[in-house]
């Protein structure tokens, strides 16, 4: 699982960003939001996904670069089933920081300081031994491109998840991530941004990858394959909405876990949606816990008894 490892600084704004931003003044934007709360949590896309996989009983190998301040975080992840042998420690940079403010509509404005993540390009995937599937998630752009190239050159299956880094990636880098990928993950906004930055149509993007998985927030997820009917999977109903940070990462963890168990694409998205809802109901992307019995009930309520039984057999 190649990607960012970070500390999240999460803040809550009681108002709405849309009411504070003047469309005709965006070219000279200068705003400050008075937040109600500050919560510091463990995060980073690779770490969040690995945590979710560990919660489901797998032992994912996390690949990324961190600072010397990573000790306690490493212990936390290892207690939750994550193999951190692929993590390199920087001699002079801090672990990355994600600073995010969420408004009353669950919209977010965030900044990301890469820190030690900039050194991820020096990580050689060959040092990790046999790899079943490499997920290339947001990381230092050079590292993302290098890891995709390694997978292509060595016949290693990989999935592309450029998501938050799409804003920073050049067209050539994005196209290189699609080349040879078996799965492309994105949300609806990222899907449009990817097509805009590459100049590729939705059909061309789908033709470049084996499978495209697009999440649509409360409207669920859509799975596309060339020549096949779209698979649409609604969300698992949330008992409460606490914090959307890391929800997409939890979805990916559930999806990838189900695929590793040999389950089909629809079941994978259903388990991903369950984990995403657990994350949505928690403050922070690594604060949820999965109860197998309760999870089965929630799956049955959302997707029916057959789906719940097939997924729950692996929980």
Foldseek 3Di string as FASTA:
>chain_A
DEWAWAKEWEWEAAADVVVVDDVVCVVPDDDDTDTDDIDIGTDILQLLLLLLLLLLPEEEEYAFEAEPVCVVVVVVSVVSRYHDPNYHYDPDWHGKYKYWYAYPVRDIDIDIGHTRLLVSLVRDCVVVPDDAEAEQEHTNLNNSLVVLVVCVVVVHAYEYHDEPCLVVDALVSLLSNLARHQEYEYEPVVLVSNCVRNVHDPVRSLVSYAKYWYAHVQQAIWIDGPPDDIDGAGAQDAPDFDHQPQLQSQLVSQLVSCVVVVDDNRLSNLRSRLSSRQCRNDDYSNDGHDDLVVSLVSSCVRPNNVSSVVSSVSD
